C-alpha atoms as a PDB file:
ATOM      1  CA  UNK A   1     102.235 109.390 118.397  1.00  0.00           C
ATOM      2  CA  UNK A   2     100.409 108.564 115.200  1.00  0.00           C
ATOM      3  CA  UNK A   3      97.669 106.000 114.888  1.00  0.00           C
ATOM      4  CA  UNK A   4      97.063 103.765 111.892  1.00  0.00           C
ATOM      5  CA  UNK A   5      94.281 104.791 109.569  1.00  0.00           C
ATOM      6  CA  UNK A   6      91.168 102.640 110.016  1.00  0.00           C
ATOM      7  CA  UNK A   7      90.102 100.737 106.932  1.00  0.00           C
ATOM      8  CA  UNK A   8      86.792 101.508 105.279  1.00  0.00           C
ATOM      9  CA  UNK A   9      84.334  98.620 104.821  1.00  0.00           C
ATOM     10  CA  UNK A  10      85.215  98.618 101.123  1.00  0.00           C
ATOM     11  CA  UNK A  11      88.938  98.305 101.909  1.00  0.00           C
ATOM     12  CA  UNK A  12      88.241  95.497 104.379  1.00  0.00           C
ATOM     13  CA  UNK A  13      86.205  93.675 101.737  1.00  0.00           C
ATOM     14  CA  UNK A  14      88.983  94.088  99.152  1.00  0.00           C
ATOM     15  CA  UNK A  15      91.590  92.792 101.608  1.00  0.00           C
ATOM     16  CA  UNK A  16      89.351  89.844 102.542  1.00  0.00           C
ATOM     17  CA  UNK A  17      88.765  88.899  98.909  1.00  0.00           C
ATOM     18  CA  UNK A  18      92.509  89.079  98.251  1.00  0.00           C
ATOM     19  CA  UNK A  19      93.267  86.928 101.312  1.00  0.00           C
ATOM     20  CA  UNK A  20      90.733  84.348 100.082  1.00  0.00           C
ATOM     21  CA  UNK A  21      92.125  84.360  96.554  1.00  0.00           C
ATOM     22  CA  UNK A  22      88.975  85.869  95.066  1.00  0.00           C
ATOM     23  CA  UNK A  23      90.282  87.958  92.209  1.00  0.00           C
ATOM     24  CA  UNK A  24      87.357  88.941  89.999  1.00  0.00           C
ATOM     25  CA  UNK A  25      83.705  89.169  91.001  1.00  0.00           C
ATOM     26  CA  UNK A  26      81.218  90.308  88.381  1.00  0.00           C
ATOM     27  CA  UNK A  27      77.507  90.942  88.875  1.00  0.00           C
ATOM     28  CA  UNK A  28      75.031  90.755  86.014  1.00  0.00           C
ATOM     29  CA  UNK A  29      72.155  93.221  85.927  1.00  0.00           C
ATOM     30  CA  UNK A  30      69.235  93.482  83.552  1.00  0.00           C
ATOM     31  CA  UNK A  31      65.664  92.522  82.929  1.00  0.00           C
ATOM     32  CA  UNK A  32      64.848  88.851  83.393  1.00  0.00           C
ATOM     33  CA  UNK A  33      63.365  88.961  79.884  1.00  0.00           C
ATOM     34  CA  UNK A  34      67.047  88.499  78.947  1.00  0.00           C
ATOM     35  CA  UNK A  35      67.516  85.414  81.161  1.00  0.00           C
ATOM     36  CA  UNK A  36      68.968  83.350  78.292  1.00  0.00           C
ATOM     37  CA  UNK A  37      71.473  86.062  77.339  1.00  0.00           C
ATOM     38  CA  UNK A  38      72.304  86.511  81.035  1.00  0.00           C
ATOM     39  CA  UNK A  39      73.041  82.781  81.299  1.00  0.00           C
ATOM     40  CA  UNK A  40      75.314  82.953  78.237  1.00  0.00           C
ATOM     41  CA  UNK A  41      77.221  85.962  79.630  1.00  0.00           C
ATOM     42  CA  UNK A  42      77.555  84.111  82.958  1.00  0.00           C
ATOM     43  CA  UNK A  43      79.099  81.136  81.149  1.00  0.00           C
ATOM     44  CA  UNK A  44      81.537  83.360  79.228  1.00  0.00           C
ATOM     45  CA  UNK A  45      82.594  85.204  82.387  1.00  0.00           C
ATOM     46  CA  UNK A  46      82.932  81.978  84.386  1.00  0.00           C
ATOM     47  CA  UNK A  47      85.127  80.395  81.715  1.00  0.00           C
ATOM     48  CA  UNK A  48      87.246  83.577  81.738  1.00  0.00           C
ATOM     49  CA  UNK A  49      87.784  83.074  85.483  1.00  0.00           C
ATOM     50  CA  UNK A  50      85.260  85.423  87.072  1.00  0.00           C
ATOM     51  CA  UNK A  51      83.020  84.583  89.996  1.00  0.00           C
ATOM     52  CA  UNK A  52      79.571  85.493  88.617  1.00  0.00           C
ATOM     53  CA  UNK A  53      76.666  86.836  90.665  1.00  0.00           C
ATOM     54  CA  UNK A  54      73.289  87.266  88.971  1.00  0.00           C
ATOM     55  CA  UNK A  55      69.565  87.320  89.675  1.00  0.00           C
ATOM     56  CA  UNK A  56      68.253  83.801  90.148  1.00  0.00           C
ATOM     57  CA  UNK A  57      64.509  84.323  90.663  1.00  0.00           C
ATOM     58  CA  UNK A  58      62.666  85.068  87.457  1.00  0.00           C
ATOM     59  CA  UNK A  59      59.431  86.472  88.836  1.00  0.00           C
ATOM     60  CA  UNK A  60      58.100  86.814  85.292  1.00  0.00           C
ATOM     61  CA  UNK A  61      57.599  83.037  85.339  1.00  0.00           C
ATOM     62  CA  UNK A  62      54.949  81.435  87.567  1.00  0.00           C
ATOM     63  CA  UNK A  63      56.227  79.848  90.785  1.00  0.00           C
ATOM     64  CA  UNK A  64      54.521  78.886  94.068  1.00  0.00           C
ATOM     65  CA  UNK A  65      56.889  81.120  96.060  1.00  0.00           C
ATOM     66  CA  UNK A  66      55.513  84.269  94.426  1.00  0.00           C
ATOM     67  CA  UNK A  67      52.009  83.159  93.466  1.00  0.00           C
ATOM     68  CA  UNK A  68      50.378  85.393  96.110  1.00  0.00           C
ATOM     69  CA  UNK A  69      50.544  89.045  94.940  1.00  0.00           C
ATOM     70  CA  UNK A  70      51.202  90.458  98.422  1.00  0.00           C
ATOM     71  CA  UNK A  71      53.973  87.945  99.075  1.00  0.00           C
ATOM     72  CA  UNK A  72      55.373  88.586  95.597  1.00  0.00           C
ATOM     73  CA  UNK A  73      55.669  92.313  96.279  1.00  0.00           C
ATOM     74  CA  UNK A  74      57.481  91.721  99.584  1.00  0.00           C
ATOM     75  CA  UNK A  75      59.764  89.197  97.888  1.00  0.00           C
ATOM     76  CA  UNK A  76      60.599  91.666  95.109  1.00  0.00           C
ATOM     77  CA  UNK A  77      61.740  94.192  97.725  1.00  0.00           C
ATOM     78  CA  UNK A  78      63.965  91.557  99.382  1.00  0.00           C
ATOM     79  CA  UNK A  79      65.403  90.405  96.066  1.00  0.00           C
ATOM     80  CA  UNK A  80      66.156  93.999  95.040  1.00  0.00           C
ATOM     81  CA  UNK A  81      68.037  94.453  98.335  1.00  0.00           C
ATOM     82  CA  UNK A  82      69.932  91.193  97.754  1.00  0.00           C
ATOM     83  CA  UNK A  83      70.915  92.353  94.292  1.00  0.00           C
ATOM     84  CA  UNK A  84      72.308  95.590  95.707  1.00  0.00           C
ATOM     85  CA  UNK A  85      74.348  93.434  98.102  1.00  0.00           C
ATOM     86  CA  UNK A  86      75.708  91.568  95.067  1.00  0.00           C
ATOM     87  CA  UNK A  87      76.619  94.912  93.469  1.00  0.00           C
ATOM     88  CA  UNK A  88      78.506  95.905  96.642  1.00  0.00           C
ATOM     89  CA  UNK A  89      80.439  92.609  96.577  1.00  0.00           C
ATOM     90  CA  UNK A  90      81.291  92.841  92.882  1.00  0.00           C
ATOM     91  CA  UNK A  91      84.411  94.297  91.350  1.00  0.00           C
ATOM     92  CA  UNK A  92      82.518  95.153  88.176  1.00  0.00           C
ATOM     93  CA  UNK A  93      79.043  95.119  86.639  1.00  0.00           C
ATOM     94  CA  UNK A  94      77.731  93.890  83.302  1.00  0.00           C
ATOM     95  CA  UNK A  95      74.321  95.136  82.177  1.00  0.00           C
ATOM     96  CA  UNK A  96      72.682  92.588  79.890  1.00  0.00           C
ATOM     97  CA  UNK A  97      70.119  93.295  77.187  1.00  0.00           C
ATOM     98  CA  UNK A  98      68.907  96.046  74.902  1.00  0.00           C
ATOM     99  CA  UNK A  99      66.291  97.421  77.309  1.00  0.00           C
ATOM    100  CA  UNK A 100      66.743  99.235  80.623  1.00  0.00           C
ATOM    101  CA  UNK A 101      63.734  99.263  82.953  1.00  0.00           C
ATOM    102  CA  UNK A 102      63.327 101.138  86.221  1.00  0.00           C
ATOM    103  CA  UNK A 103      64.902  98.418  88.396  1.00  0.00           C
ATOM    104  CA  UNK A 104      67.957  98.085  86.187  1.00  0.00           C
ATOM    105  CA  UNK A 105      68.258 101.868  85.885  1.00  0.00           C
ATOM    106  CA  UNK A 106      68.359 102.032  89.700  1.00  0.00           C
ATOM    107  CA  UNK A 107      70.998  99.290  89.838  1.00  0.00           C
ATOM    108  CA  UNK A 108      73.147 101.158  87.301  1.00  0.00           C
ATOM    109  CA  UNK A 109      72.859 104.378  89.310  1.00  0.00           C
ATOM    110  CA  UNK A 110      73.765 102.503  92.500  1.00  0.00           C
ATOM    111  CA  UNK A 111      76.803 100.833  90.880  1.00  0.00           C
ATOM    112  CA  UNK A 112      77.968 104.192  89.521  1.00  0.00           C
ATOM    113  CA  UNK A 113      77.522 105.782  92.952  1.00  0.00           C
ATOM    114  CA  UNK A 114      79.825 103.059  94.324  1.00  0.00           C
ATOM    115  CA  UNK A 115      82.349 103.643  91.535  1.00  0.00           C
ATOM    116  CA  UNK A 116      81.949 100.176  90.000  1.00  0.00           C
ATOM    117  CA  UNK A 117      83.089  99.779  86.387  1.00  0.00           C
ATOM    118  CA  UNK A 118      80.096  98.993  84.178  1.00  0.00           C
ATOM    119  CA  UNK A 119      79.997  97.285  80.783  1.00  0.00           C
ATOM    120  CA  UNK A 120      76.859  97.010  78.670  1.00  0.00           C
ATOM    121  CA  UNK A 121      76.177  94.132  76.274  1.00  0.00           C
ATOM    122  CA  UNK A 122      74.276  96.774  74.300  1.00  0.00           C
ATOM    123  CA  UNK A 123      76.107 100.097  74.942  1.00  0.00           C
ATOM    124  CA  UNK A 124      73.417 102.112  73.158  1.00  0.00           C
ATOM    125  CA  UNK A 125      71.075 101.651  76.155  1.00  0.00           C
ATOM    126  CA  UNK A 126      73.478 103.224  78.666  1.00  0.00           C
ATOM    127  CA  UNK A 127      71.352 105.848  80.476  1.00  0.00           C
ATOM    128  CA  UNK A 128      74.415 107.980  81.291  1.00  0.00           C
ATOM    129  CA  UNK A 129      74.035 111.628  80.303  1.00  0.00           C
END
């Protein structure tokens, strides 16, 4: 007697997205110094039919929610974790901007580890060997 193969979490997610009619999820990564370019790429991808996930808290700008340095550091950790969740949900990744900092470099490595296709708005900054 053979038993059916259990689905991996990734396969379950893919089946769920298909069942819900979600066909293309893209996540934008990059420094918030490129927030305007990120917004433009989000518009282009949305018009093309993609569901766009992106960072929404620009901690480079003052805000009461991250005014306290200790709270800001804890928030940054949570937001980094949330962004990795967005990468896991996405079908593909777009890296925005002509600069790759440590956070974005980590996101790129994580997306590559998961086998996500990655496109760069500025391919010359791709840290791949």
